[in-house]
Amino acid sequence: MEHVMQVSSVSPEQRPPVWWRVPHMWLVVGGPLVVVVACIATVVLAVKNPDPVLNKADYERALTEAKALEGQARLDALARIQPAGQARNHAASPLIPEADRP
């Protein structure tokens, strides 16, 4: 018996395309790749521009100064130093002066 290796005579049109020329492959790889790049960009922004740590003594001093004021100046000063969560939750509601509160 003769074992002869036969070379496949597949024409170039019949061969499957290489992986980087298949459009569906780029959809499968491209989505996660975009997410990884966005994550890296977010980390770079967070490291380069960190939020400052607020000093409690400065806040207490500003609060004391604001309470010493009168009228609209007092309301403006108190509005400037209120915590971010409180300011966000009450951005649309008016600031009621202490004298008018029930």
Foldseek 3Di string as FASTA:
>chain_A
DDDDDDDDDDDPVPDDDDPVPDVVSCVVPVVVVVVVVVVVVVVVVCVVDPDDDDDVVVLVVLLVVLVPDDDPSSVVSCLVSDDPVVCVVCVPPDDDDPVPDD
